[in-house]
Amino acid sequence: AQRMGREILLTSHLCEGAFEKLRDGDRAAHDALIREGLAALLG
């Protein structure tokens, strides 16, 4: 953004526990936590 001369607003969200679910082989729980995180950002 700085290289392009842009002013931006960044909002970040951490999907707590999702990576651990993926590492344990629980892809469904991992994906559900990501969708929850997405819902927190949308809008």
PDB file of all heavy atoms in Angstrom:
ATOM      1  N   ALA A   1       0.832  -1.210   0.000  1.00  0.00           N
ATOM      2  CA  ALA A   1       0.000   0.000   0.000  1.00  0.00           C
ATOM      3  C   ALA A   1       0.860   1.251   0.000  1.00  0.00           C
ATOM      4  O   ALA A   1       0.576   2.220  -0.722  1.00  0.00           O
ATOM      5  CB  ALA A   1      -0.925  -0.018   1.211  1.00  0.00           C
ATOM      6  N   GLN A   2       1.921   1.247   0.806  1.00  0.00           N
ATOM      7  CA  GLN A   2       2.827   2.392   0.854  1.00  0.00           C
ATOM      8  C   GLN A   2       3.504   2.605  -0.500  1.00  0.00           C
ATOM      9  O   GLN A   2       3.648   3.745  -0.972  1.00  0.00           O
ATOM     10  CB  GLN A   2       3.866   2.191   1.943  1.00  0.00           C
ATOM     11  CG  GLN A   2       4.790   3.381   2.152  1.00  0.00           C
ATOM     12  CD  GLN A   2       5.753   3.162   3.305  1.00  0.00           C
ATOM     13  OE1 GLN A   2       6.063   2.031   3.673  1.00  0.00           O
ATOM     14  NE2 GLN A   2       6.230   4.242   3.894  1.00  0.00           N
ATOM     15  N   ARG A   3       3.904   1.502  -1.120  1.00  0.00           N
ATOM     16  CA  ARG A   3       4.534   1.597  -2.443  1.00  0.00           C
ATOM     17  C   ARG A   3       3.587   2.205  -3.465  1.00  0.00           C
ATOM     18  O   ARG A   3       4.013   2.960  -4.359  1.00  0.00           O
ATOM     19  CB  ARG A   3       4.975   0.197  -2.887  1.00  0.00           C
ATOM     20  CG  ARG A   3       5.561   0.123  -4.289  1.00  0.00           C
ATOM     21  CD  ARG A   3       6.021  -1.293  -4.611  1.00  0.00           C
ATOM     22  NE  ARG A   3       4.945  -2.272  -4.532  1.00  0.00           N
ATOM     23  CZ  ARG A   3       4.073  -2.504  -5.508  1.00  0.00           C
ATOM     24  NH1 ARG A   3       4.139  -1.802  -6.632  1.00  0.00           N
ATOM     25  NH2 ARG A   3       3.127  -3.421  -5.373  1.00  0.00           N
ATOM     26  N   MET A   4       2.280   1.920  -3.320  1.00  0.00           N
ATOM     27  CA  MET A   4       1.278   2.434  -4.256  1.00  0.00           C
ATOM     28  C   MET A   4       0.730   3.806  -3.847  1.00  0.00           C
ATOM     29  O   MET A   4      -0.094   4.379  -4.557  1.00  0.00           O
ATOM     30  CB  MET A   4       0.100   1.443  -4.337  1.00  0.00           C
ATOM     31  CG  MET A   4       0.444   0.085  -4.884  1.00  0.00           C
ATOM     32  SD  MET A   4      -1.005  -1.013  -4.828  1.00  0.00           S
ATOM     33  CE  MET A   4      -0.306  -2.552  -5.438  1.00  0.00           C
ATOM     34  N   GLY A   5       1.164   4.300  -2.684  1.00  0.00           N
ATOM     35  CA  GLY A   5       0.653   5.569  -2.204  1.00  0.00           C
ATOM     36  C   GLY A   5      -0.783   5.491  -1.722  1.00  0.00           C
ATOM     37  O   GLY A   5      -1.538   6.467  -1.841  1.00  0.00           O
ATOM     38  N   ARG A   6      -1.162   4.366  -1.140  1.00  0.00           N
ATOM     39  CA  ARG A   6      -2.541   4.123  -0.728  1.00  0.00           C
ATOM     40  C   ARG A   6      -2.695   4.246   0.780  1.00  0.00           C
ATOM     41  O   ARG A   6      -1.827   3.825   1.552  1.00  0.00           O
ATOM     42  CB  ARG A   6      -2.970   2.715  -1.154  1.00  0.00           C
ATOM     43  CG  ARG A   6      -3.066   2.516  -2.659  1.00  0.00           C
ATOM     44  CD  ARG A   6      -4.389   2.998  -3.192  1.00  0.00           C
ATOM     45  NE  ARG A   6      -5.471   2.249  -2.553  1.00  0.00           N
ATOM     46  CZ  ARG A   6      -5.832   1.006  -2.917  1.00  0.00           C
ATOM     47  NH1 ARG A   6      -5.201   0.392  -3.911  1.00  0.00           N
ATOM     48  NH2 ARG A   6      -6.831   0.390  -2.312  1.00  0.00           N
ATOM     49  N   GLU A   7      -3.846   4.783   1.199  1.00  0.00           N
ATOM     50  CA  GLU A   7      -4.246   4.794   2.608  1.00  0.00           C
ATOM     51  C   GLU A   7      -5.242   3.659   2.812  1.00  0.00           C
ATOM     52  O   GLU A   7      -6.265   3.596   2.120  1.00  0.00           O
ATOM     53  CB  GLU A   7      -4.891   6.131   2.980  1.00  0.00           C
ATOM     54  CG  GLU A   7      -3.952   7.318   2.930  1.00  0.00           C
ATOM     55  CD  GLU A   7      -3.043   7.385   4.155  1.00  0.00           C
ATOM     56  OE1 GLU A   7      -3.361   6.717   5.159  1.00  0.00           O
ATOM     57  OE2 GLU A   7      -2.028   8.103   4.084  1.00  0.00           O
ATOM     58  N   ILE A   8      -4.959   2.758   3.730  1.00  0.00           N
ATOM     59  CA  ILE A   8      -5.839   1.606   3.932  1.00  0.00           C
ATOM     60  C   ILE A   8      -6.178   1.439   5.414  1.00  0.00           C
ATOM     61  O   ILE A   8      -5.494   1.976   6.289  1.00  0.00           O
ATOM     62  CB  ILE A   8      -5.209   0.303   3.401  1.00  0.00           C
ATOM     63  CG1 ILE A   8      -3.893  -0.016   4.145  1.00  0.00           C
ATOM     64  CG2 ILE A   8      -4.983   0.382   1.907  1.00  0.00           C
ATOM     65  CD1 ILE A   8      -3.342  -1.398   3.829  1.00  0.00           C
ATOM     66  N   LEU A   9      -7.239   0.677   5.660  1.00  0.00           N
ATOM     67  CA  LEU A   9      -7.618   0.297   7.017  1.00  0.00           C
ATOM     68  C   LEU A   9      -7.579  -1.222   7.097  1.00  0.00           C
ATOM     69  O   LEU A   9      -8.323  -1.910   6.385  1.00  0.00           O
ATOM     70  CB  LEU A   9      -9.025   0.809   7.355  1.00  0.00           C
ATOM     71  CG  LEU A   9      -9.587   0.392   8.716  1.00  0.00           C
ATOM     72  CD1 LEU A   9      -8.746   0.989   9.847  1.00  0.00           C
ATOM     73  CD2 LEU A   9     -11.040   0.814   8.860  1.00  0.00           C
ATOM     74  N   LEU A  10      -6.707  -1.750   7.959  1.00  0.00           N
ATOM     75  CA  LEU A  10      -6.563  -3.193   8.116  1.00  0.00           C
ATOM     76  C   LEU A  10      -7.271  -3.674   9.371  1.00  0.00           C
ATOM     77  O   LEU A  10      -7.122  -3.076  10.441  1.00  0.00           O
ATOM     78  CB  LEU A  10      -5.081  -3.572   8.199  1.00  0.00           C
ATOM     79  CG  LEU A  10      -4.322  -3.744   6.884  1.00  0.00           C
ATOM     80  CD1 LEU A  10      -2.834  -3.919   7.150  1.00  0.00           C
ATOM     81  CD2 LEU A  10      -4.847  -4.930   6.098  1.00  0.00           C
ATOM     82  N   THR A  11      -8.042  -4.759   9.236  1.00  0.00           N
ATOM     83  CA  THR A  11      -8.694  -5.407  10.374  1.00  0.00           C
ATOM     84  C   THR A  11      -8.307  -6.881  10.347  1.00  0.00           C
ATOM     85  O   THR A  11      -8.471  -7.548   9.322  1.00  0.00           O
ATOM     86  CB  THR A  11     -10.223  -5.283  10.288  1.00  0.00           C
ATOM     87  OG1 THR A  11     -10.587  -3.913  10.173  1.00  0.00           O
ATOM     88  CG2 THR A  11     -10.870  -5.880  11.528  1.00  0.00           C
ATOM     89  N   SER A  12      -7.772  -7.382  11.437  1.00  0.00           N
ATOM     90  CA  SER A  12      -7.341  -8.781  11.467  1.00  0.00           C
ATOM     91  C   SER A  12      -8.153  -9.586  12.469  1.00  0.00           C
ATOM     92  O   SER A  12      -8.671  -9.043  13.451  1.00  0.00           O
ATOM     93  CB  SER A  12      -5.854  -8.882  11.806  1.00  0.00           C
ATOM     94  OG  SER A  12      -5.585  -8.318  13.065  1.00  0.00           O
ATOM     95  N   HIS A  13      -8.263 -10.886  12.191  1.00  0.00           N
ATOM     96  CA  HIS A  13      -8.990 -11.795  13.091  1.00  0.00           C
ATOM     97  C   HIS A  13      -8.257 -13.128  13.128  1.00  0.00           C
ATOM     98  O   HIS A  13      -7.935 -13.705  12.085  1.00  0.00           O
ATOM     99  CB  HIS A  13     -10.428 -12.001  12.607  1.00  0.00           C
ATOM    100  CG  HIS A  13     -11.226 -12.894  13.514  1.00  0.00           C
ATOM    101  ND1 HIS A  13     -11.935 -12.425  14.597  1.00  0.00           N
ATOM    102  CD2 HIS A  13     -11.421 -14.241  13.500  1.00  0.00           C
ATOM    103  CE1 HIS A  13     -12.528 -13.424  15.211  1.00  0.00           C
ATOM    104  NE2 HIS A  13     -12.229 -14.549  14.563  1.00  0.00           N
ATOM    105  N   LEU A  14      -7.995 -13.610  14.328  1.00  0.00           N
ATOM    106  CA  LEU A  14      -7.342 -14.902  14.521  1.00  0.00           C
ATOM    107  C   LEU A  14      -8.376 -15.961  14.861  1.00  0.00           C
ATOM    108  O   LEU A  14      -9.149 -15.809  15.814  1.00  0.00           O
ATOM    109  CB  LEU A  14      -6.316 -14.804  15.656  1.00  0.00           C
ATOM    110  CG  LEU A  14      -5.546 -16.087  15.986  1.00  0.00           C
ATOM    111  CD1 LEU A  14      -4.664 -16.497  14.824  1.00  0.00           C
ATOM    112  CD2 LEU A  14      -4.699 -15.876  17.252  1.00  0.00           C
ATOM    113  N   CYS A  15      -8.419 -17.033  14.084  1.00  0.00           N
ATOM    114  CA  CYS A  15      -9.332 -18.157  14.321  1.00  0.00           C
ATOM    115  C   CYS A  15      -8.680 -19.080  15.351  1.00  0.00           C
ATOM    116  O   CYS A  15      -7.983 -20.043  15.002  1.00  0.00           O
ATOM    117  CB  CYS A  15      -9.619 -18.903  13.026  1.00  0.00           C
ATOM    118  SG  CYS A  15     -10.306 -17.881  11.715  1.00  0.00           S
ATOM    119  N   GLU A  16      -8.905 -18.784  16.610  1.00  0.00           N
ATOM    120  CA  GLU A  16      -8.257 -19.516  17.703  1.00  0.00           C
ATOM    121  C   GLU A  16      -8.575 -21.005  17.637  1.00  0.00           C
ATOM    122  O   GLU A  16      -9.743 -21.401  17.534  1.00  0.00           O
ATOM    123  CB  GLU A  16      -8.728 -18.963  19.050  1.00  0.00           C
ATOM    124  CG  GLU A  16      -8.349 -17.519  19.308  1.00  0.00           C
ATOM    125  CD  GLU A  16      -6.980 -17.385  19.936  1.00  0.00           C
ATOM    126  OE1 GLU A  16      -6.295 -18.425  20.082  1.00  0.00           O
ATOM    127  OE2 GLU A  16      -6.601 -16.253  20.276  1.00  0.00           O
ATOM    128  N   GLY A  17      -7.530 -21.822  17.676  1.00  0.00           N
ATOM    129  CA  GLY A  17      -7.699 -23.271  17.739  1.00  0.00           C
ATOM    130  C   GLY A  17      -7.868 -23.958  16.406  1.00  0.00           C
ATOM    131  O   GLY A  17      -7.825 -25.199  16.341  1.00  0.00           O
ATOM    132  N   ALA A  18      -8.035 -23.189  15.320  1.00  0.00           N
ATOM    133  CA  ALA A  18      -8.300 -23.816  14.023  1.00  0.00           C
ATOM    134  C   ALA A  18      -7.094 -24.608  13.516  1.00  0.00           C
ATOM    135  O   ALA A  18      -7.248 -25.727  13.013  1.00  0.00           O
ATOM    136  CB  ALA A  18      -8.707 -22.753  13.005  1.00  0.00           C
ATOM    137  N   PHE A  19      -5.901 -24.046  13.652  1.00  0.00           N
ATOM    138  CA  PHE A  19      -4.724 -24.753  13.146  1.00  0.00           C
ATOM    139  C   PHE A  19      -4.503 -26.053  13.909  1.00  0.00           C
ATOM    140  O   PHE A  19      -4.126 -27.070  13.318  1.00  0.00           O
ATOM    141  CB  PHE A  19      -3.480 -23.873  13.244  1.00  0.00           C
ATOM    142  CG  PHE A  19      -2.272 -24.493  12.596  1.00  0.00           C
ATOM    143  CD1 PHE A  19      -2.088 -24.424  11.232  1.00  0.00           C
ATOM    144  CD2 PHE A  19      -1.324 -25.169  13.359  1.00  0.00           C
ATOM    145  CE1 PHE A  19      -0.979 -25.011  10.628  1.00  0.00           C
ATOM    146  CE2 PHE A  19      -0.216 -25.755  12.768  1.00  0.00           C
ATOM    147  CZ  PHE A  19      -0.043 -25.673  11.398  1.00  0.00           C
ATOM    148  N   GLU A  20      -4.752 -26.032  15.207  1.00  0.00           N
ATOM    149  CA  GLU A  20      -4.601 -27.252  16.008  1.00  0.00           C
ATOM    150  C   GLU A  20      -5.575 -28.329  15.533  1.00  0.00           C
ATOM    151  O   GLU A  20      -5.240 -29.518  15.496  1.00  0.00           O
ATOM    152  CB  GLU A  20      -4.825 -26.941  17.482  1.00  0.00           C
ATOM    153  CG  GLU A  20      -3.714 -26.124  18.137  1.00  0.00           C
ATOM    154  CD  GLU A  20      -3.731 -24.653  17.734  1.00  0.00           C
ATOM    155  OE1 GLU A  20      -4.775 -24.193  17.207  1.00  0.00           O
ATOM    156  OE2 GLU A  20      -2.720 -23.963  17.945  1.00  0.00           O
ATOM    157  N   LYS A  21      -6.795 -27.915  15.170  1.00  0.00           N
ATOM    158  CA  LYS A  21      -7.770 -28.875  14.645  1.00  0.00           C
ATOM    159  C   LYS A  21      -7.272 -29.492  13.340  1.00  0.00           C
ATOM    160  O   LYS A  21      -7.382 -30.710  13.128  1.00  0.00           O
ATOM    161  CB  LYS A  21      -9.115 -28.186  14.411  1.00  0.00           C
ATOM    162  CG  LYS A  21      -9.811 -27.701  15.676  1.00  0.00           C
ATOM    163  CD  LYS A  21     -10.239 -28.860  16.565  1.00  0.00           C
ATOM    164  CE  LYS A  21     -11.030 -28.362  17.772  1.00  0.00           C
ATOM    165  NZ  LYS A  21     -11.416 -29.471  18.697  1.00  0.00           N
ATOM    166  N   LEU A  22      -6.702 -28.666  12.490  1.00  0.00           N
ATOM    167  CA  LEU A  22      -6.177 -29.176  11.221  1.00  0.00           C
ATOM    168  C   LEU A  22      -5.016 -30.123  11.460  1.00  0.00           C
ATOM    169  O   LEU A  22      -4.919 -31.190  10.836  1.00  0.00           O
ATOM    170  CB  LEU A  22      -5.727 -27.995  10.348  1.00  0.00           C
ATOM    171  CG  LEU A  22      -5.173 -28.350   8.974  1.00  0.00           C
ATOM    172  CD1 LEU A  22      -6.238 -29.000   8.109  1.00  0.00           C
ATOM    173  CD2 LEU A  22      -4.610 -27.108   8.291  1.00  0.00           C
ATOM    174  N   ARG A  23      -4.141 -29.770  12.375  1.00  0.00           N
ATOM    175  CA  ARG A  23      -2.980 -30.610  12.689  1.00  0.00           C
ATOM    176  C   ARG A  23      -3.420 -31.954  13.254  1.00  0.00           C
ATOM    177  O   ARG A  23      -2.763 -32.978  13.021  1.00  0.00           O
ATOM    178  CB  ARG A  23      -2.077 -29.879  13.682  1.00  0.00           C
ATOM    179  CG  ARG A  23      -0.743 -30.554  13.946  1.00  0.00           C
ATOM    180  CD  ARG A  23       0.130 -29.666  14.796  1.00  0.00           C
ATOM    181  NE  ARG A  23      -0.560 -29.245  16.019  1.00  0.00           N
ATOM    182  CZ  ARG A  23      -0.130 -28.272  16.816  1.00  0.00           C
ATOM    183  NH1 ARG A  23       0.964 -27.603  16.522  1.00  0.00           N
ATOM    184  NH2 ARG A  23      -0.795 -27.954  17.908  1.00  0.00           N
ATOM    185  N   ASP A  24      -4.562 -31.973  13.979  1.00  0.00           N
ATOM    186  CA  ASP A  24      -5.074 -33.213  14.555  1.00  0.00           C
ATOM    187  C   ASP A  24      -5.922 -34.009  13.577  1.00  0.00           C
ATOM    188  O   ASP A  24      -6.464 -35.059  13.931  1.00  0.00           O
ATOM    189  CB  ASP A  24      -5.903 -32.901  15.805  1.00  0.00           C
ATOM    190  CG  ASP A  24      -5.050 -32.336  16.942  1.00  0.00           C
ATOM    191  OD1 ASP A  24      -3.818 -32.543  16.913  1.00  0.00           O
ATOM    192  OD2 ASP A  24      -5.617 -31.682  17.836  1.00  0.00           O
ATOM    193  N   GLY A  25      -6.079 -33.492  12.365  1.00  0.00           N
ATOM    194  CA  GLY A  25      -6.831 -34.213  11.344  1.00  0.00           C
ATOM    195  C   GLY A  25      -8.311 -33.920  11.303  1.00  0.00           C
ATOM    196  O   GLY A  25      -9.051 -34.563  10.551  1.00  0.00           O
ATOM    197  N   ASP A  26      -8.764 -32.928  12.083  1.00  0.00           N
ATOM    198  CA  ASP A  26     -10.187 -32.586  12.111  1.00  0.00           C
ATOM    199  C   ASP A  26     -10.438 -31.413  11.164  1.00  0.00           C
ATOM    200  O   ASP A  26     -10.601 -30.267  11.583  1.00  0.00           O
ATOM    201  CB  ASP A  26     -10.616 -32.229  13.537  1.00  0.00           C
ATOM    202  CG  ASP A  26     -12.128 -32.149  13.689  1.00  0.00           C
ATOM    203  OD1 ASP A  26     -12.829 -32.114  12.656  1.00  0.00           O
ATOM    204  OD2 ASP A  26     -12.599 -32.102  14.842  1.00  0.00           O
ATOM    205  N   ARG A  27     -10.466 -31.698   9.875  1.00  0.00           N
ATOM    206  CA  ARG A  27     -10.650 -30.660   8.867  1.00  0.00           C
ATOM    207  C   ARG A  27     -11.993 -29.956   9.010  1.00  0.00           C
ATOM    208  O   ARG A  27     -12.095 -28.732   8.815  1.00  0.00           O
ATOM    209  CB  ARG A  27     -10.517 -31.289   7.481  1.00  0.00           C
ATOM    210  CG  ARG A  27     -11.000 -30.451   6.323  1.00  0.00           C
ATOM    211  CD  ARG A  27     -10.136 -29.251   6.038  1.00  0.00           C
ATOM    212  NE  ARG A  27      -8.867 -29.594   5.448  1.00  0.00           N
ATOM    213  CZ  ARG A  27      -8.022 -28.680   4.976  1.00  0.00           C
ATOM    214  NH1 ARG A  27      -8.321 -27.396   5.062  1.00  0.00           N
ATOM    215  NH2 ARG A  27      -6.861 -29.046   4.459  1.00  0.00           N
ATOM    216  N   ALA A  28     -13.045 -30.696   9.369  1.00  0.00           N
ATOM    217  CA  ALA A  28     -14.378 -30.091   9.485  1.00  0.00           C
ATOM    218  C   ALA A  28     -14.405 -29.014  10.567  1.00  0.00           C
ATOM    219  O   ALA A  28     -14.962 -27.925  10.373  1.00  0.00           O
ATOM    220  CB  ALA A  28     -15.416 -31.170   9.780  1.00  0.00           C
ATOM    221  N   ALA A  29     -13.799 -29.296  11.724  1.00  0.00           N
ATOM    222  CA  ALA A  29     -13.768 -28.311  12.807  1.00  0.00           C
ATOM    223  C   ALA A  29     -12.906 -27.113  12.428  1.00  0.00           C
ATOM    224  O   ALA A  29     -13.238 -25.957  12.732  1.00  0.00           O
ATOM    225  CB  ALA A  29     -13.240 -28.960  14.083  1.00  0.00           C
ATOM    226  N   HIS A  30     -11.790 -27.373  11.749  1.00  0.00           N
ATOM    227  CA  HIS A  30     -10.918 -26.302  11.251  1.00  0.00           C
ATOM    228  C   HIS A  30     -11.692 -25.369  10.339  1.00  0.00           C
ATOM    229  O   HIS A  30     -11.674 -24.133  10.486  1.00  0.00           O
ATOM    230  CB  HIS A  30      -9.736 -26.944  10.512  1.00  0.00           C
ATOM    231  CG  HIS A  30      -8.940 -26.001   9.663  1.00  0.00           C
ATOM    232  ND1 HIS A  30      -9.223 -25.785   8.325  1.00  0.00           N
ATOM    233  CD2 HIS A  30      -7.868 -25.224   9.945  1.00  0.00           C
ATOM    234  CE1 HIS A  30      -8.357 -24.919   7.827  1.00  0.00           C
ATOM    235  NE2 HIS A  30      -7.521 -24.570   8.778  1.00  0.00           N
ATOM    236  N   ASP A  31     -12.418 -25.948   9.388  1.00  0.00           N
ATOM    237  CA  ASP A  31     -13.158 -25.144   8.422  1.00  0.00           C
ATOM    238  C   ASP A  31     -14.288 -24.364   9.089  1.00  0.00           C
ATOM    239  O   ASP A  31     -14.555 -23.205   8.724  1.00  0.00           O
ATOM    240  CB  ASP A  31     -13.725 -26.047   7.326  1.00  0.00           C
ATOM    241  CG  ASP A  31     -12.633 -26.653   6.452  1.00  0.00           C
ATOM    242  OD1 ASP A  31     -11.447 -26.303   6.641  1.00  0.00           O
ATOM    243  OD2 ASP A  31     -12.966 -27.490   5.585  1.00  0.00           O
ATOM    244  N   ALA A  32     -14.932 -24.963  10.074  1.00  0.00           N
ATOM    245  CA  ALA A  32     -16.026 -24.278  10.774  1.00  0.00           C
ATOM    246  C   ALA A  32     -15.517 -23.051  11.521  1.00  0.00           C
ATOM    247  O   ALA A  32     -16.162 -21.988  11.535  1.00  0.00           O
ATOM    248  CB  ALA A  32     -16.711 -25.238  11.735  1.00  0.00           C
ATOM    249  N   LEU A  33     -14.354 -23.162  12.147  1.00  0.00           N
ATOM    250  CA  LEU A  33     -13.775 -22.028  12.870  1.00  0.00           C
ATOM    251  C   LEU A  33     -13.381 -20.902  11.907  1.00  0.00           C
ATOM    252  O   LEU A  33     -13.501 -19.719  12.248  1.00  0.00           O
ATOM    253  CB  LEU A  33     -12.558 -22.483  13.677  1.00  0.00           C
ATOM    254  CG  LEU A  33     -12.878 -23.322  14.920  1.00  0.00           C
ATOM    255  CD1 LEU A  33     -11.608 -23.952  15.488  1.00  0.00           C
ATOM    256  CD2 LEU A  33     -13.568 -22.464  15.980  1.00  0.00           C
ATOM    257  N   ILE A  34     -12.935 -21.253  10.725  1.00  0.00           N
ATOM    258  CA  ILE A  34     -12.609 -20.235   9.728  1.00  0.00           C
ATOM    259  C   ILE A  34     -13.874 -19.511   9.268  1.00  0.00           C
ATOM    260  O   ILE A  34     -13.889 -18.277   9.133  1.00  0.00           O
ATOM    261  CB  ILE A  34     -11.866 -20.858   8.541  1.00  0.00           C
ATOM    262  CG1 ILE A  34     -10.463 -21.301   8.987  1.00  0.00           C
ATOM    263  CG2 ILE A  34     -11.770 -19.881   7.367  1.00  0.00           C
ATOM    264  CD1 ILE A  34      -9.689 -22.042   7.937  1.00  0.00           C
ATOM    265  N   ARG A  35     -14.954 -20.248   9.071  1.00  0.00           N
ATOM    266  CA  ARG A  35     -16.205 -19.609   8.657  1.00  0.00           C
ATOM    267  C   ARG A  35     -16.735 -18.694   9.755  1.00  0.00           C
ATOM    268  O   ARG A  35     -17.301 -17.626   9.471  1.00  0.00           O
ATOM    269  CB  ARG A  35     -17.225 -20.676   8.274  1.00  0.00           C
ATOM    270  CG  ARG A  35     -16.899 -21.368   6.946  1.00  0.00           C
ATOM    271  CD  ARG A  35     -18.045 -22.236   6.460  1.00  0.00           C
ATOM    272  NE  ARG A  35     -18.204 -23.424   7.275  1.00  0.00           N
ATOM    273  CZ  ARG A  35     -17.599 -24.583   7.027  1.00  0.00           C
ATOM    274  NH1 ARG A  35     -16.775 -24.702   5.993  1.00  0.00           N
ATOM    275  NH2 ARG A  35     -17.808 -25.634   7.798  1.00  0.00           N
ATOM    276  N   GLU A  36     -16.556 -19.080  11.014  1.00  0.00           N
ATOM    277  CA  GLU A  36     -16.939 -18.204  12.116  1.00  0.00           C
ATOM    278  C   GLU A  36     -16.117 -16.914  12.113  1.00  0.00           C
ATOM    279  O   GLU A  36     -16.636 -15.818  12.324  1.00  0.00           O
ATOM    280  CB  GLU A  36     -16.758 -18.924  13.459  1.00  0.00           C
ATOM    281  CG  GLU A  36     -17.768 -20.026  13.719  1.00  0.00           C
ATOM    282  CD  GLU A  36     -17.497 -20.728  15.043  1.00  0.00           C
ATOM    283  OE1 GLU A  36     -16.684 -20.200  15.841  1.00  0.00           O
ATOM    284  OE2 GLU A  36     -18.089 -21.801  15.268  1.00  0.00           O
ATOM    285  N   GLY A  37     -14.827 -17.059  11.867  1.00  0.00           N
ATOM    286  CA  GLY A  37     -13.961 -15.897  11.799  1.00  0.00           C
ATOM    287  C   GLY A  37     -14.325 -14.976  10.652  1.00  0.00           C
ATOM    288  O   GLY A  37     -14.302 -13.743  10.791  1.00  0.00           O
ATOM    289  N   LEU A  38     -14.683 -15.568   9.537  1.00  0.00           N
ATOM    290  CA  LEU A  38     -15.098 -14.772   8.387  1.00  0.00           C
ATOM    291  C   LEU A  38     -16.341 -13.948   8.718  1.00  0.00           C
ATOM    292  O   LEU A  38     -16.434 -12.766   8.368  1.00  0.00           O
ATOM    293  CB  LEU A  38     -15.368 -15.688   7.197  1.00  0.00           C
ATOM    294  CG  LEU A  38     -15.880 -15.011   5.929  1.00  0.00           C
ATOM    295  CD1 LEU A  38     -14.837 -14.038   5.383  1.00  0.00           C
ATOM    296  CD2 LEU A  38     -16.241 -16.058   4.873  1.00  0.00           C
ATOM    297  N   ALA A  39     -17.285 -14.577   9.402  1.00  0.00           N
ATOM    298  CA  ALA A  39     -18.516 -13.873   9.770  1.00  0.00           C
ATOM    299  C   ALA A  39     -18.224 -12.655  10.639  1.00  0.00           C
ATOM    300  O   ALA A  39     -18.930 -11.641  10.582  1.00  0.00           O
ATOM    301  CB  ALA A  39     -19.465 -14.833  10.495  1.00  0.00           C
ATOM    302  N   ALA A  40     -17.163 -12.727  11.460  1.00  0.00           N
ATOM    303  CA  ALA A  40     -16.798 -11.608  12.327  1.00  0.00           C
ATOM    304  C   ALA A  40     -16.238 -10.427  11.543  1.00  0.00           C
ATOM    305  O   ALA A  40     -16.270  -9.284  12.027  1.00  0.00           O
ATOM    306  CB  ALA A  40     -15.770 -12.068  13.366  1.00  0.00           C
ATOM    307  N   LEU A  41     -15.728 -10.684  10.336  1.00  0.00           N
ATOM    308  CA  LEU A  41     -15.143  -9.617   9.525  1.00  0.00           C
ATOM    309  C   LEU A  41     -16.126  -9.010   8.532  1.00  0.00           C
ATOM    310  O   LEU A  41     -16.061  -7.804   8.250  1.00  0.00           O
ATOM    311  CB  LEU A  41     -13.932 -10.150   8.744  1.00  0.00           C
ATOM    312  CG  LEU A  41     -12.665 -10.456   9.531  1.00  0.00           C
ATOM    313  CD1 LEU A  41     -11.612 -11.070   8.609  1.00  0.00           C
ATOM    314  CD2 LEU A  41     -12.108  -9.191  10.165  1.00  0.00           C
ATOM    315  N   LEU A  42     -17.012  -9.824   7.999  1.00  0.00           N
ATOM    316  CA  LEU A  42     -17.922  -9.356   6.954  1.00  0.00           C
ATOM    317  C   LEU A  42     -18.777  -8.197   7.458  1.00  0.00           C
ATOM    318  O   LEU A  42     -19.226  -8.168   8.587  1.00  0.00           O
ATOM    319  CB  LEU A  42     -18.818 -10.507   6.487  1.00  0.00           C
ATOM    320  CG  LEU A  42     -18.121 -11.642   5.752  1.00  0.00           C
ATOM    321  CD1 LEU A  42     -19.110 -12.725   5.378  1.00  0.00           C
ATOM    322  CD2 LEU A  42     -17.400 -11.135   4.510  1.00  0.00           C
ATOM    323  N   GLY A  43     -19.001  -7.233   6.599  1.00  0.00           N
ATOM    324  CA  GLY A  43     -19.763  -6.049   6.962  1.00  0.00           C
ATOM    325  C   GLY A  43     -18.887  -4.879   7.346  1.00  0.00           C
ATOM    326  O   GLY A  43     -19.338  -3.730   7.336  1.00  0.00           O
TER     327      GLY A  43
END
